[in-house]
Amino acid sequence: MDALIARSRRQVAPGAVHVPDWLSAARQRELVAACRQWACGGSGCPQVG
């Protein structure tokens, strides 16, 4: 969906840039899952709750 008001990219921290609508929601979930797996050494982090 195209926004009524264009959203431009912006730097959120040195070396980190937010690019709106670059990845689909599904791709974002895949990326988060991959980062979590990497952060836990590939074995998966213990679930809380």
Protein backbone atom coordinates (compact mmCIF):
# COMPACT_ATOMS: atom_id res chain seq x y z
CA MET A 1 0.00 0.00 0.00
CA ASP A 2 1.32 3.43 -0.89
CA ALA A 3 1.26 5.98 1.87
CA LEU A 4 -0.61 9.25 1.38
CA ILE A 5 2.45 11.03 2.68
CA ALA A 6 5.78 9.75 1.43
CA ARG A 7 8.05 8.40 4.16
CA SER A 8 11.71 8.98 3.51
CA ARG A 9 14.65 7.08 4.91
CA ARG A 10 16.41 8.55 7.91
CA GLN A 11 19.47 7.83 10.00
CA VAL A 12 18.46 6.57 13.44
CA ALA A 13 21.99 6.04 14.75
CA PRO A 14 25.48 6.21 13.28
CA GLY A 15 25.57 3.50 10.62
CA ALA A 16 21.88 2.58 11.03
CA VAL A 17 19.30 3.80 8.54
CA HIS A 18 15.53 3.23 8.68
CA VAL A 19 14.12 2.57 5.21
CA PRO A 20 10.30 2.46 5.46
CA ASP A 21 8.49 -0.34 3.61
CA TRP A 22 11.72 -1.95 2.37
CA LEU A 23 10.92 -5.40 3.77
CA SER A 24 7.51 -7.07 3.91
CA ALA A 25 6.13 -8.06 7.32
CA ALA A 26 6.86 -11.72 6.55
CA ARG A 27 10.47 -10.96 5.64
CA GLN A 28 10.87 -8.87 8.81
CA ARG A 29 9.68 -11.85 10.91
CA GLU A 30 12.20 -14.12 9.13
CA LEU A 31 14.98 -11.64 9.84
CA VAL A 32 14.05 -11.37 13.53
CA ALA A 33 13.97 -15.17 13.84
CA ALA A 34 17.40 -15.45 12.19
CA CYS A 35 18.85 -12.78 14.50
CA ARG A 36 17.44 -14.51 17.57
CA GLN A 37 18.92 -17.83 16.46
CA TRP A 38 22.30 -16.19 15.84
CA ALA A 39 22.22 -14.43 19.24
CA CYS A 40 21.56 -17.73 21.02
CA GLY A 41 24.38 -19.60 19.35
CA GLY A 42 22.15 -21.50 16.92
CA SER A 43 20.47 -23.62 19.60
CA GLY A 44 17.60 -21.24 20.33
CA CYS A 45 17.06 -19.12 23.41
CA PRO A 46 15.05 -20.39 26.33
CA GLN A 47 11.45 -19.19 26.17
CA VAL A 48 10.12 -17.16 29.09
CA GLY A 49 6.53 -17.48 30.27
